[in-house]
């Protein structure tokens, strides 16, 4: 479960880096530009992930009932995956359709899929964090859920502000 959450967060961070860079470069051939942007997003996501890991690990190690607390964190992570995995599956299905369909149909997929999914992403992240935390009375679960949601949602604006605030 922790590995699945890390994989989802880092994949989302790559896409956040890509989104932060779109519309900022008028070149025709942008593959290298977008790959650098994805790496920047990945770096931002890794920094946020490390911060959340420290927030969770330090109190967990110091707790007298570390095993019970870890089990509570795993239950919260499982509830978080219940929200994020179906959304991620829809996004992946939309991306596969975009890559496989002819141009007109793939444009339609962007219009009805990826566009609205990008707008819904913050709502899904916050809903997942709330769903993960609502079943627990442990402050660490609430703090971890909130910090994880904040870090995931901060990657795109941070990368945009640090690197893409003006067109290149």
C-alpha atoms as a PDB file:
ATOM      1  CA  UNK A   1       0.000   0.000   0.000  1.00  0.00           C
ATOM      2  CA  UNK A   2       2.720   2.589   0.791  1.00  0.00           C
ATOM      3  CA  UNK A   3       4.473   1.701  -2.475  1.00  0.00           C
ATOM      4  CA  UNK A   4       1.222   2.111  -4.433  1.00  0.00           C
ATOM      5  CA  UNK A   5       0.620   5.528  -2.867  1.00  0.00           C
ATOM      6  CA  UNK A   6       4.197   6.602  -3.631  1.00  0.00           C
ATOM      7  CA  UNK A   7       3.877   5.415  -7.230  1.00  0.00           C
ATOM      8  CA  UNK A   8       0.607   7.309  -7.678  1.00  0.00           C
ATOM      9  CA  UNK A   9       2.039  10.472  -6.110  1.00  0.00           C
ATOM     10  CA  UNK A  10       5.208  10.423  -8.211  1.00  0.00           C
ATOM     11  CA  UNK A  11       3.323   9.672 -11.435  1.00  0.00           C
ATOM     12  CA  UNK A  12       0.954  12.528 -10.663  1.00  0.00           C
ATOM     13  CA  UNK A  13       3.971  14.763  -9.998  1.00  0.00           C
ATOM     14  CA  UNK A  14       5.377  13.972 -13.461  1.00  0.00           C
ATOM     15  CA  UNK A  15       2.082  14.962 -15.049  1.00  0.00           C
ATOM     16  CA  UNK A  16       1.955  18.076 -12.846  1.00  0.00           C
ATOM     17  CA  UNK A  17       5.366  19.124 -14.139  1.00  0.00           C
ATOM     18  CA  UNK A  18       4.149  18.584 -17.692  1.00  0.00           C
ATOM     19  CA  UNK A  19       0.975  20.610 -17.049  1.00  0.00           C
ATOM     20  CA  UNK A  20       2.999  23.429 -15.473  1.00  0.00           C
ATOM     21  CA  UNK A  21       5.017  23.772 -18.672  1.00  0.00           C
ATOM     22  CA  UNK A  22       2.259  23.567 -21.270  1.00  0.00           C
ATOM     23  CA  UNK A  23       1.578  26.680 -23.258  1.00  0.00           C
ATOM     24  CA  UNK A  24       4.908  28.224 -22.276  1.00  0.00           C
ATOM     25  CA  UNK A  25       7.001  27.236 -25.291  1.00  0.00           C
ATOM     26  CA  UNK A  26       6.303  28.070 -28.933  1.00  0.00           C
ATOM     27  CA  UNK A  27       8.754  25.551 -30.382  1.00  0.00           C
ATOM     28  CA  UNK A  28       7.449  22.850 -32.664  1.00  0.00           C
ATOM     29  CA  UNK A  29       9.604  20.015 -31.329  1.00  0.00           C
ATOM     30  CA  UNK A  30       8.999  19.942 -27.578  1.00  0.00           C
ATOM     31  CA  UNK A  31       9.768  16.374 -26.536  1.00  0.00           C
ATOM     32  CA  UNK A  32      12.932  17.289 -24.595  1.00  0.00           C
ATOM     33  CA  UNK A  33      11.198  20.331 -23.106  1.00  0.00           C
ATOM     34  CA  UNK A  34       8.278  18.245 -21.822  1.00  0.00           C
ATOM     35  CA  UNK A  35      10.580  15.511 -20.508  1.00  0.00           C
ATOM     36  CA  UNK A  36      12.532  18.107 -18.505  1.00  0.00           C
ATOM     37  CA  UNK A  37       9.236  19.483 -17.211  1.00  0.00           C
ATOM     38  CA  UNK A  38       8.134  15.998 -16.127  1.00  0.00           C
ATOM     39  CA  UNK A  39      11.460  15.484 -14.346  1.00  0.00           C
ATOM     40  CA  UNK A  40      11.009  18.813 -12.569  1.00  0.00           C
ATOM     41  CA  UNK A  41       7.566  17.681 -11.459  1.00  0.00           C
ATOM     42  CA  UNK A  42       9.004  14.358 -10.321  1.00  0.00           C
ATOM     43  CA  UNK A  43      11.642  16.188  -8.272  1.00  0.00           C
ATOM     44  CA  UNK A  44       8.970  18.408  -6.690  1.00  0.00           C
ATOM     45  CA  UNK A  45       6.827  15.373  -5.943  1.00  0.00           C
ATOM     46  CA  UNK A  46       9.782  13.536  -4.395  1.00  0.00           C
ATOM     47  CA  UNK A  47      10.498  16.497  -2.113  1.00  0.00           C
ATOM     48  CA  UNK A  48       6.845  16.592  -1.004  1.00  0.00           C
ATOM     49  CA  UNK A  49       6.802  12.829  -0.537  1.00  0.00           C
ATOM     50  CA  UNK A  50       9.928  13.004   1.629  1.00  0.00           C
ATOM     51  CA  UNK A  51       8.333  15.721   3.763  1.00  0.00           C
ATOM     52  CA  UNK A  52       5.192  13.628   4.291  1.00  0.00           C
ATOM     53  CA  UNK A  53       7.302  10.550   5.058  1.00  0.00           C
ATOM     54  CA  UNK A  54       9.214  12.477   7.727  1.00  0.00           C
ATOM     55  CA  UNK A  55       5.964  13.830   9.163  1.00  0.00           C
ATOM     56  CA  UNK A  56       4.672  10.271   9.482  1.00  0.00           C
ATOM     57  CA  UNK A  57       7.833   8.437  10.472  1.00  0.00           C
ATOM     58  CA  UNK A  58       9.103  10.635  13.292  1.00  0.00           C
ATOM     59  CA  UNK A  59       5.979  10.333  15.496  1.00  0.00           C
ATOM     60  CA  UNK A  60       5.574   6.695  14.451  1.00  0.00           C
ATOM     61  CA  UNK A  61       9.058   5.762  15.620  1.00  0.00           C
ATOM     62  CA  UNK A  62       8.594   7.624  18.900  1.00  0.00           C
ATOM     63  CA  UNK A  63       5.184   6.090  19.620  1.00  0.00           C
ATOM     64  CA  UNK A  64       4.937   3.394  22.295  1.00  0.00           C
ATOM     65  CA  UNK A  65       2.268   1.625  20.231  1.00  0.00           C
ATOM     66  CA  UNK A  66       4.030   1.930  16.860  1.00  0.00           C
ATOM     67  CA  UNK A  67       2.549  -1.269  15.398  1.00  0.00           C
ATOM     68  CA  UNK A  68      -1.032  -0.214  16.122  1.00  0.00           C
ATOM     69  CA  UNK A  69      -0.355   3.263  14.781  1.00  0.00           C
ATOM     70  CA  UNK A  70       1.215   1.853  11.624  1.00  0.00           C
ATOM     71  CA  UNK A  71      -1.817  -0.406  11.131  1.00  0.00           C
ATOM     72  CA  UNK A  72      -4.052   2.671  11.409  1.00  0.00           C
ATOM     73  CA  UNK A  73      -1.952   4.459   8.785  1.00  0.00           C
ATOM     74  CA  UNK A  74      -2.216   1.436   6.489  1.00  0.00           C
ATOM     75  CA  UNK A  75      -6.016   1.406   6.879  1.00  0.00           C
ATOM     76  CA  UNK A  76      -6.109   5.107   6.026  1.00  0.00           C
ATOM     77  CA  UNK A  77      -3.863   4.540   3.006  1.00  0.00           C
ATOM     78  CA  UNK A  78      -6.138   1.752   1.825  1.00  0.00           C
ATOM     79  CA  UNK A  79      -9.155   4.067   2.084  1.00  0.00           C
ATOM     80  CA  UNK A  80      -7.209   6.698   0.141  1.00  0.00           C
ATOM     81  CA  UNK A  81      -6.496   4.160  -2.605  1.00  0.00           C
ATOM     82  CA  UNK A  82     -10.225   3.373  -2.788  1.00  0.00           C
ATOM     83  CA  UNK A  83     -10.736   6.915  -4.076  1.00  0.00           C
ATOM     84  CA  UNK A  84      -7.564   7.472  -6.091  1.00  0.00           C
ATOM     85  CA  UNK A  85      -7.274   4.186  -8.001  1.00  0.00           C
ATOM     86  CA  UNK A  86     -10.632   4.435  -9.842  1.00  0.00           C
ATOM     87  CA  UNK A  87      -9.838   8.050 -10.796  1.00  0.00           C
ATOM     88  CA  UNK A  88      -6.334   7.075 -11.945  1.00  0.00           C
ATOM     89  CA  UNK A  89      -7.799   4.199 -13.982  1.00  0.00           C
ATOM     90  CA  UNK A  90     -10.144   6.621 -15.761  1.00  0.00           C
ATOM     91  CA  UNK A  91      -7.256   8.965 -16.521  1.00  0.00           C
ATOM     92  CA  UNK A  92      -5.105   6.109 -17.846  1.00  0.00           C
ATOM     93  CA  UNK A  93      -7.978   4.827 -20.006  1.00  0.00           C
ATOM     94  CA  UNK A  94      -8.431   8.327 -21.401  1.00  0.00           C
ATOM     95  CA  UNK A  95      -4.705   8.634 -22.150  1.00  0.00           C
ATOM     96  CA  UNK A  96      -4.674   5.249 -23.893  1.00  0.00           C
ATOM     97  CA  UNK A  97      -7.667   6.312 -25.987  1.00  0.00           C
ATOM     98  CA  UNK A  98      -5.908   9.599 -26.804  1.00  0.00           C
ATOM     99  CA  UNK A  99      -2.783   7.798 -28.001  1.00  0.00           C
ATOM    100  CA  UNK A 100      -4.586   5.066 -29.958  1.00  0.00           C
ATOM    101  CA  UNK A 101      -7.447   6.907 -31.646  1.00  0.00           C
ATOM    102  CA  UNK A 102      -7.226   8.990 -34.819  1.00  0.00           C
ATOM    103  CA  UNK A 103      -6.724  12.732 -34.413  1.00  0.00           C
ATOM    104  CA  UNK A 104     -10.378  13.825 -34.445  1.00  0.00           C
ATOM    105  CA  UNK A 105     -11.420  11.201 -31.893  1.00  0.00           C
ATOM    106  CA  UNK A 106      -8.373  11.814 -29.712  1.00  0.00           C
ATOM    107  CA  UNK A 107      -9.225  15.523 -29.655  1.00  0.00           C
ATOM    108  CA  UNK A 108     -12.721  14.581 -28.491  1.00  0.00           C
ATOM    109  CA  UNK A 109     -11.190  12.406 -25.754  1.00  0.00           C
ATOM    110  CA  UNK A 110      -9.186  15.414 -24.541  1.00  0.00           C
ATOM    111  CA  UNK A 111     -12.323  17.543 -24.529  1.00  0.00           C
ATOM    112  CA  UNK A 112     -14.548  15.134 -22.596  1.00  0.00           C
ATOM    113  CA  UNK A 113     -11.888  13.289 -20.578  1.00  0.00           C
ATOM    114  CA  UNK A 114      -8.577  14.845 -19.736  1.00  0.00           C
ATOM    115  CA  UNK A 115      -9.856  18.416 -19.519  1.00  0.00           C
ATOM    116  CA  UNK A 116     -12.579  17.716 -16.951  1.00  0.00           C
ATOM    117  CA  UNK A 117     -10.376  15.198 -15.116  1.00  0.00           C
ATOM    118  CA  UNK A 118      -7.711  17.881 -14.690  1.00  0.00           C
ATOM    119  CA  UNK A 119     -10.313  20.197 -13.193  1.00  0.00           C
ATOM    120  CA  UNK A 120     -11.660  17.440 -10.923  1.00  0.00           C
ATOM    121  CA  UNK A 121      -8.212  16.362  -9.723  1.00  0.00           C
ATOM    122  CA  UNK A 122      -8.048  18.704  -6.683  1.00  0.00           C
ATOM    123  CA  UNK A 123     -11.547  17.661  -5.630  1.00  0.00           C
ATOM    124  CA  UNK A 124     -10.630  13.971  -5.897  1.00  0.00           C
ATOM    125  CA  UNK A 125      -7.388  14.476  -3.954  1.00  0.00           C
ATOM    126  CA  UNK A 126      -9.129  16.345  -1.126  1.00  0.00           C
ATOM    127  CA  UNK A 127     -12.019  13.849  -1.095  1.00  0.00           C
ATOM    128  CA  UNK A 128      -9.526  10.993  -0.888  1.00  0.00           C
ATOM    129  CA  UNK A 129      -7.671  12.643   1.981  1.00  0.00           C
ATOM    130  CA  UNK A 130     -10.906  13.236   3.868  1.00  0.00           C
ATOM    131  CA  UNK A 131     -12.108   9.677   3.201  1.00  0.00           C
ATOM    132  CA  UNK A 132      -8.759   8.327   4.434  1.00  0.00           C
ATOM    133  CA  UNK A 133      -8.840  10.365   7.633  1.00  0.00           C
ATOM    134  CA  UNK A 134     -12.528  10.276   8.516  1.00  0.00           C
ATOM    135  CA  UNK A 135     -12.362   6.708   9.782  1.00  0.00           C
ATOM    136  CA  UNK A 136      -9.618   7.450  12.284  1.00  0.00           C
ATOM    137  CA  UNK A 137      -9.303   9.350  15.535  1.00  0.00           C
ATOM    138  CA  UNK A 138      -5.485   9.383  15.381  1.00  0.00           C
ATOM    139  CA  UNK A 139      -4.095  12.884  14.789  1.00  0.00           C
ATOM    140  CA  UNK A 140      -1.223  11.384  12.784  1.00  0.00           C
ATOM    141  CA  UNK A 141      -3.632   9.986  10.198  1.00  0.00           C
ATOM    142  CA  UNK A 142      -5.340  13.368   9.875  1.00  0.00           C
ATOM    143  CA  UNK A 143      -2.025  15.225   9.669  1.00  0.00           C
ATOM    144  CA  UNK A 144      -0.603  12.750   7.172  1.00  0.00           C
ATOM    145  CA  UNK A 145      -3.687  12.827   4.960  1.00  0.00           C
ATOM    146  CA  UNK A 146      -3.804  16.604   4.952  1.00  0.00           C
ATOM    147  CA  UNK A 147      -0.076  16.979   4.336  1.00  0.00           C
ATOM    148  CA  UNK A 148      -0.119  14.405   1.536  1.00  0.00           C
ATOM    149  CA  UNK A 149      -3.025  16.164  -0.205  1.00  0.00           C
ATOM    150  CA  UNK A 150      -1.351  19.556   0.199  1.00  0.00           C
ATOM    151  CA  UNK A 151       1.959  18.294  -1.175  1.00  0.00           C
ATOM    152  CA  UNK A 152       0.347  16.589  -4.177  1.00  0.00           C
ATOM    153  CA  UNK A 153      -1.655  19.700  -5.012  1.00  0.00           C
ATOM    154  CA  UNK A 154       1.355  22.006  -4.508  1.00  0.00           C
ATOM    155  CA  UNK A 155       3.624  20.368  -7.099  1.00  0.00           C
ATOM    156  CA  UNK A 156       2.115  21.967 -10.202  1.00  0.00           C
ATOM    157  CA  UNK A 157       1.914  25.550  -8.854  1.00  0.00           C
ATOM    158  CA  UNK A 158       5.394  25.272  -7.347  1.00  0.00           C
ATOM    159  CA  UNK A 159       6.981  23.994 -10.558  1.00  0.00           C
ATOM    160  CA  UNK A 160       5.074  26.587 -12.559  1.00  0.00           C
ATOM    161  CA  UNK A 161       6.146  29.452 -10.306  1.00  0.00           C
ATOM    162  CA  UNK A 162       9.773  28.345 -10.022  1.00  0.00           C
ATOM    163  CA  UNK A 163      10.353  27.550 -13.674  1.00  0.00           C
ATOM    164  CA  UNK A 164       7.536  28.527 -16.028  1.00  0.00           C
ATOM    165  CA  UNK A 165       6.153  31.817 -14.741  1.00  0.00           C
ATOM    166  CA  UNK A 166       7.130  33.523 -18.001  1.00  0.00           C
ATOM    167  CA  UNK A 167       7.099  32.082 -21.537  1.00  0.00           C
ATOM    168  CA  UNK A 168      10.387  30.883 -23.018  1.00  0.00           C
END
